[in-house]
Protein backbone atom coordinates (compact mmCIF):
# COMPACT_ATOMS: atom_id res chain seq x y z
CA UNK A 1 -134.80 -85.72 42.87
CA UNK A 2 -135.96 -82.26 43.94
CA UNK A 3 -135.96 -79.31 41.52
CA UNK A 4 -136.20 -75.74 42.83
CA UNK A 5 -135.94 -72.32 41.17
CA UNK A 6 -135.16 -69.17 43.12
CA UNK A 7 -133.59 -65.72 42.86
CA UNK A 8 -129.83 -65.76 43.20
CA UNK A 9 -128.11 -63.68 45.88
CA UNK A 10 -124.53 -62.64 46.58
CA UNK A 11 -123.80 -65.82 48.52
CA UNK A 12 -124.69 -67.91 45.44
CA UNK A 13 -121.61 -66.74 43.55
CA UNK A 14 -119.58 -69.89 44.35
CA UNK A 15 -122.37 -71.99 42.81
CA UNK A 16 -122.22 -69.90 39.62
CA UNK A 17 -118.44 -70.25 39.50
CA UNK A 18 -118.78 -74.03 39.67
CA UNK A 19 -121.07 -74.25 36.63
CA UNK A 20 -119.43 -76.20 33.79
CA UNK A 21 -120.90 -74.27 30.85
CA UNK A 22 -117.99 -74.55 28.42
CA UNK A 23 -118.03 -70.75 27.99
CA UNK A 24 -114.56 -69.25 28.26
CA UNK A 25 -114.27 -65.87 30.01
CA UNK A 26 -117.99 -65.77 30.76
CA UNK A 27 -118.99 -62.18 31.46
CA UNK A 28 -121.85 -63.33 33.70
CA UNK A 29 -119.32 -64.51 36.26
CA UNK A 30 -117.41 -61.22 35.96
CA UNK A 31 -120.42 -58.98 36.59
CA UNK A 32 -122.54 -61.32 38.74
CA UNK A 33 -123.01 -58.68 41.43
CA UNK A 34 -124.56 -56.28 38.88
CA UNK A 35 -126.96 -58.92 37.52
CA UNK A 36 -128.73 -59.48 40.84
CA UNK A 37 -129.63 -55.88 41.68
CA UNK A 38 -131.02 -52.66 40.23
CA UNK A 39 -132.96 -53.34 37.01
CA UNK A 40 -131.60 -56.90 36.74
CA UNK A 41 -132.50 -60.22 38.30
CA UNK A 42 -130.84 -63.62 37.99
CA UNK A 43 -132.54 -66.92 38.78
CA UNK A 44 -131.06 -70.35 39.40
CA UNK A 45 -132.47 -73.82 38.89
CA UNK A 46 -131.18 -76.26 41.50
CA UNK A 47 -131.30 -80.04 41.35
CA UNK A 48 -131.02 -81.53 44.85
CA UNK A 49 -129.28 -78.35 45.96
CA UNK A 50 -126.84 -78.20 43.03
CA UNK A 51 -127.08 -75.25 40.65
CA UNK A 52 -127.49 -76.59 37.12
CA UNK A 53 -128.91 -73.64 35.13
CA UNK A 54 -129.18 -69.85 35.37
CA UNK A 55 -131.12 -67.16 33.50
CA UNK A 56 -132.47 -63.70 34.22
CA UNK A 57 -133.87 -60.44 32.94
CA UNK A 58 -133.06 -56.74 32.83
CA UNK A 59 -135.65 -53.96 32.70
CA UNK A 60 -135.25 -51.22 30.09
CA UNK A 61 -137.22 -47.96 29.80
CA UNK A 62 -139.47 -49.11 32.62
CA UNK A 63 -141.72 -51.35 30.51
CA UNK A 64 -139.46 -53.74 28.57
CA UNK A 65 -137.88 -56.90 29.98
CA UNK A 66 -134.99 -58.49 28.10
CA UNK A 67 -134.45 -62.10 29.05
CA UNK A 68 -131.03 -63.67 28.84
CA UNK A 69 -127.88 -64.95 30.56
CA UNK A 70 -129.13 -68.49 29.99
CA UNK A 71 -126.38 -70.87 31.06
CA UNK A 72 -126.57 -74.59 31.82
CA UNK A 73 -124.10 -77.03 33.27
CA UNK A 74 -123.06 -79.37 30.45
CA UNK A 75 -123.31 -82.35 32.78
CA UNK A 76 -127.08 -81.74 33.17
CA UNK A 77 -128.13 -80.87 29.63
CA UNK A 78 -130.97 -82.70 27.94
CA UNK A 79 -133.28 -82.61 30.96
CA UNK A 80 -135.45 -79.65 29.90
CA UNK A 81 -134.10 -77.47 32.68
CA UNK A 82 -133.38 -74.50 30.38
CA UNK A 83 -136.98 -74.39 29.14
CA UNK A 84 -138.39 -74.68 32.67
CA UNK A 85 -136.12 -71.94 33.95
CA UNK A 86 -136.89 -69.58 31.06
CA UNK A 87 -140.61 -70.11 31.64
CA UNK A 88 -140.12 -69.14 35.28
CA UNK A 89 -138.12 -66.02 34.35
CA UNK A 90 -140.70 -64.93 31.78
CA UNK A 91 -143.52 -65.37 34.29
CA UNK A 92 -141.55 -63.43 36.89
CA UNK A 93 -140.99 -60.55 34.47
CA UNK A 94 -144.67 -60.33 33.58
CA UNK A 95 -145.73 -60.28 37.22
CA UNK A 96 -144.24 -56.77 37.30
CA UNK A 97 -147.10 -54.37 36.66
CA UNK A 98 -145.05 -52.02 34.46
CA UNK A 99 -143.80 -54.64 32.00
CA UNK A 100 -145.63 -54.54 28.67
CA UNK A 101 -143.26 -56.58 26.50
CA UNK A 102 -140.59 -59.22 27.08
CA UNK A 103 -137.96 -60.37 24.63
CA UNK A 104 -134.80 -62.35 24.14
CA UNK A 105 -131.80 -61.99 21.84
CA UNK A 106 -129.78 -64.93 20.57
CA UNK A 107 -127.27 -65.42 17.79
CA UNK A 108 -128.36 -67.05 14.55
CA UNK A 109 -126.25 -70.17 15.08
CA UNK A 110 -127.58 -70.82 18.62
CA UNK A 111 -130.35 -73.21 17.67
CA UNK A 112 -130.75 -74.67 21.16
CA UNK A 113 -131.46 -71.23 22.65
CA UNK A 114 -133.93 -70.51 19.85
CA UNK A 115 -135.84 -73.69 20.67
CA UNK A 116 -136.06 -72.72 24.35
CA UNK A 117 -137.31 -69.24 23.45
CA UNK A 118 -139.88 -70.49 20.94
CA UNK A 119 -141.23 -73.08 23.38
CA UNK A 120 -142.14 -70.15 25.62
CA UNK A 121 -144.27 -68.53 22.93
CA UNK A 122 -141.94 -65.73 21.81
CA UNK A 123 -141.94 -64.82 18.11
CA UNK A 124 -139.04 -63.69 15.96
CA UNK A 125 -139.17 -59.95 15.27
CA UNK A 126 -136.04 -59.19 13.28
CA UNK A 127 -132.52 -60.40 12.49
CA UNK A 128 -129.77 -57.81 12.91
CA UNK A 129 -126.02 -57.57 12.48
CA UNK A 130 -124.31 -55.49 15.15
CA UNK A 131 -122.04 -53.93 12.52
CA UNK A 132 -118.99 -52.00 13.74
CA UNK A 133 -116.32 -49.94 12.01
CA UNK A 134 -113.80 -47.16 12.49
CA UNK A 135 -113.81 -46.11 8.85
CA UNK A 136 -116.79 -44.93 6.79
CA UNK A 137 -114.76 -43.44 3.92
CA UNK A 138 -116.05 -46.01 1.40
CA UNK A 139 -119.56 -44.62 1.88
CA UNK A 140 -118.74 -40.92 1.97
CA UNK A 141 -119.31 -38.79 -1.14
CA UNK A 142 -118.01 -35.41 -0.03
CA UNK A 143 -121.51 -34.05 0.50
CA UNK A 144 -122.17 -31.63 3.34
CA UNK A 145 -123.29 -33.11 6.68
CA UNK A 146 -126.95 -33.01 7.61
CA UNK A 147 -128.59 -30.32 9.69
CA UNK A 148 -128.78 -30.70 13.50
CA UNK A 149 -132.24 -30.90 15.05
CA UNK A 150 -132.35 -29.14 18.41
CA UNK A 151 -136.07 -28.58 18.90
CA UNK A 152 -137.46 -31.19 21.32
CA UNK A 153 -140.90 -31.29 19.70
CA UNK A 154 -139.31 -31.89 16.30
CA UNK A 155 -137.41 -34.85 17.78
CA UNK A 156 -140.65 -36.20 19.26
CA UNK A 157 -142.32 -35.86 15.85
CA UNK A 158 -139.53 -37.82 14.17
CA UNK A 159 -139.63 -40.77 16.58
CA UNK A 160 -143.43 -40.81 16.50
CA UNK A 161 -143.35 -40.98 12.71
CA UNK A 162 -140.51 -43.48 12.30
CA UNK A 163 -140.86 -45.83 15.29
CA UNK A 164 -143.92 -45.37 17.47
CA UNK A 165 -146.73 -45.44 14.88
CA UNK A 166 -145.40 -48.63 13.29
CA UNK A 167 -143.80 -50.20 16.41
CA UNK A 168 -140.69 -50.55 14.25
CA UNK A 169 -137.78 -52.05 16.17
CA UNK A 170 -135.61 -49.34 17.73
CA UNK A 171 -132.04 -50.12 18.91
CA UNK A 172 -132.32 -48.62 22.38
CA UNK A 173 -128.76 -49.70 23.22
CA UNK A 174 -126.10 -51.75 21.50
CA UNK A 175 -127.37 -55.37 21.66
CA UNK A 176 -130.81 -54.26 22.92
CA UNK A 177 -133.45 -53.42 20.28
CA UNK A 178 -137.14 -53.18 21.19
CA UNK A 179 -140.41 -52.55 19.31
CA UNK A 180 -141.00 -48.82 19.32
CA UNK A 181 -143.21 -47.03 21.82
CA UNK A 182 -142.95 -43.64 23.50
CA UNK A 183 -141.60 -45.39 26.62
CA UNK A 184 -138.28 -45.66 24.75
CA UNK A 185 -138.19 -41.95 23.97
CA UNK A 186 -138.27 -40.03 27.22
CA UNK A 187 -137.51 -36.33 26.98
CA UNK A 188 -134.23 -36.65 28.87
CA UNK A 189 -133.05 -39.20 26.26
CA UNK A 190 -134.22 -37.12 23.31
CA UNK A 191 -132.40 -34.11 24.72
CA UNK A 192 -129.19 -36.11 25.08
CA UNK A 193 -129.31 -37.91 21.73
CA UNK A 194 -128.27 -36.04 18.57
CA UNK A 195 -130.74 -35.80 15.68
CA UNK A 196 -129.89 -34.73 12.13
CA UNK A 197 -132.14 -34.33 9.10
CA UNK A 198 -131.36 -33.85 5.43
CA UNK A 199 -132.11 -30.60 3.60
CA UNK A 200 -135.56 -31.62 2.38
CA UNK A 201 -136.46 -33.02 5.84
CA UNK A 202 -137.40 -36.46 4.52
CA UNK A 203 -134.75 -38.44 6.41
CA UNK A 204 -133.44 -38.42 9.98
CA UNK A 205 -130.35 -39.82 11.67
CA UNK A 206 -130.04 -40.38 15.43
CA UNK A 207 -126.65 -40.74 17.09
CA UNK A 208 -126.01 -41.60 20.72
CA UNK A 209 -123.14 -42.97 22.77
CA UNK A 210 -122.86 -46.36 24.42
CA UNK A 211 -120.21 -48.42 26.16
CA UNK A 212 -120.06 -52.22 26.12
CA UNK A 213 -116.39 -52.74 27.03
CA UNK A 214 -115.51 -50.46 24.07
CA UNK A 215 -116.97 -47.03 23.37
CA UNK A 216 -119.47 -46.72 20.53
CA UNK A 217 -121.14 -44.03 18.50
CA UNK A 218 -124.48 -45.78 18.01
CA UNK A 219 -125.85 -44.53 14.69
CA UNK A 220 -129.55 -45.20 14.11
CA UNK A 221 -131.03 -44.73 10.64
CA UNK A 222 -134.66 -45.89 10.15
CA UNK A 223 -134.54 -46.55 6.38
CA UNK A 224 -132.83 -49.10 4.12
CA UNK A 225 -131.34 -46.59 1.64
CA UNK A 226 -128.30 -45.69 3.74
CA UNK A 227 -125.86 -46.36 0.87
CA UNK A 228 -127.45 -43.69 -1.35
CA UNK A 229 -128.08 -40.75 0.98
CA UNK A 230 -125.63 -37.87 0.36
CA UNK A 231 -124.29 -36.41 3.59
CA UNK A 232 -125.44 -39.25 5.84
CA UNK A 233 -122.02 -40.81 6.29
CA UNK A 234 -120.29 -37.45 6.56
CA UNK A 235 -122.62 -36.71 9.48
CA UNK A 236 -121.84 -40.04 11.15
CA UNK A 237 -118.11 -39.60 10.58
CA UNK A 238 -118.16 -36.11 12.08
CA UNK A 239 -119.91 -37.27 15.25
CA UNK A 240 -117.59 -40.27 15.50
CA UNK A 241 -114.54 -38.02 15.29
CA UNK A 242 -115.79 -35.85 18.13
CA UNK A 243 -116.50 -38.88 20.34
CA UNK A 244 -113.13 -40.47 19.58
CA UNK A 245 -111.35 -37.29 20.68
CA UNK A 246 -112.95 -37.79 24.11
CA UNK A 247 -112.71 -41.58 24.50
CA UNK A 248 -109.59 -42.67 22.59
CA UNK A 249 -108.71 -45.54 20.27
CA UNK A 250 -111.14 -48.15 21.64
CA UNK A 251 -114.02 -46.31 19.99
CA UNK A 252 -116.18 -47.58 17.13
CA UNK A 253 -119.25 -46.78 15.08
CA UNK A 254 -122.08 -49.27 15.70
CA UNK A 255 -125.05 -49.71 13.36
CA UNK A 256 -127.77 -52.35 13.56
CA UNK A 257 -128.22 -53.68 10.03
CA UNK A 258 -130.58 -56.26 8.60
CA UNK A 259 -129.07 -58.80 6.22
CA UNK A 260 -130.63 -56.92 3.32
CA UNK A 261 -129.13 -53.62 4.48
CA UNK A 262 -125.71 -55.22 4.93
CA UNK A 263 -125.86 -56.40 1.32
CA UNK A 264 -126.23 -52.79 0.11
CA UNK A 265 -122.83 -51.84 1.55
CA UNK A 266 -120.15 -51.29 -1.13
CA UNK A 267 -117.64 -54.08 -1.69
CA UNK A 268 -114.84 -52.07 -0.08
CA UNK A 269 -116.74 -51.24 3.12
CA UNK A 270 -114.87 -51.52 6.40
CA UNK A 271 -117.68 -52.82 8.61
CA UNK A 272 -117.23 -55.99 10.61
CA UNK A 273 -120.38 -58.09 10.25
CA UNK A 274 -120.43 -60.72 12.99
CA UNK A 275 -123.01 -63.49 13.20
CA UNK A 276 -126.42 -61.77 13.33
CA UNK A 277 -128.71 -61.72 16.35
CA UNK A 278 -132.35 -62.81 16.34
CA UNK A 279 -134.73 -60.68 18.39
CA UNK A 280 -137.69 -62.57 19.84
CA UNK A 281 -140.52 -61.07 21.86
CA UNK A 282 -144.08 -61.12 23.07
CA UNK A 283 -146.49 -58.54 24.49
CA UNK A 284 -148.01 -59.22 27.90
CA UNK A 285 -151.57 -59.47 26.59
CA UNK A 286 -150.46 -62.06 24.00
CA UNK A 287 -148.65 -64.05 26.67
CA UNK A 288 -151.68 -64.04 28.96
CA UNK A 289 -153.83 -65.45 26.15
CA UNK A 290 -151.47 -68.44 25.90
CA UNK A 291 -152.63 -69.43 29.38
């Protein structure tokens, strides 16, 4: 039996449609054309000409590769194809000169995907809930909202202090967190994102907009004391209200919360806390040492 791995093209769509993955309404099939161009690539593993597994990567901020879209035909599972394909995708990502770090996100209950990722040398960075809500009233205290930060250098100073120096994980988009570096904080992004700081300038909040089917105000707060900061939630609520006026009812607040942070929410909070995601990753120099 002959096994081959290659980049998928437009004319491979019928092969992808024929995969028996058991996933209902698989978004990969819906946006296949977008996953094979631009910053994304999709690879297929073929057994004697039959597509049995797919996976790919997308480039973010020029130097980060997020691996994913791993799908296997249920009739061919147990043959190690997923691990072989992920190894190929990871190698392909790191052949790109600009890529410094590659990662993968999988839900906590997806043990098979975690095994594939770990076999390729990636380490777990953090576990995060993608928490969403339309109502922050349980956390509001009536305090005044925080002060907007408009100076670009002040924004640079904040991200340098909170994310870059420590390489703390920064949620660059909904579903896509990465270890911090200045590559994630280009001036055009900093100018577009809203920054707010409290009166004594010891805390900062970043808000930005995202769309993953629904519209989101993505609120980013780099500390674990979010339940005790007067004015924080009033600031988030104010920005959310302005966004909702523009985008309509299918608009939510999104915050990436660790399990420990989720436990600090009051009992009457209105956040939905779906199964958390595990972020895995590896830097190129670490991967090269693995041989």
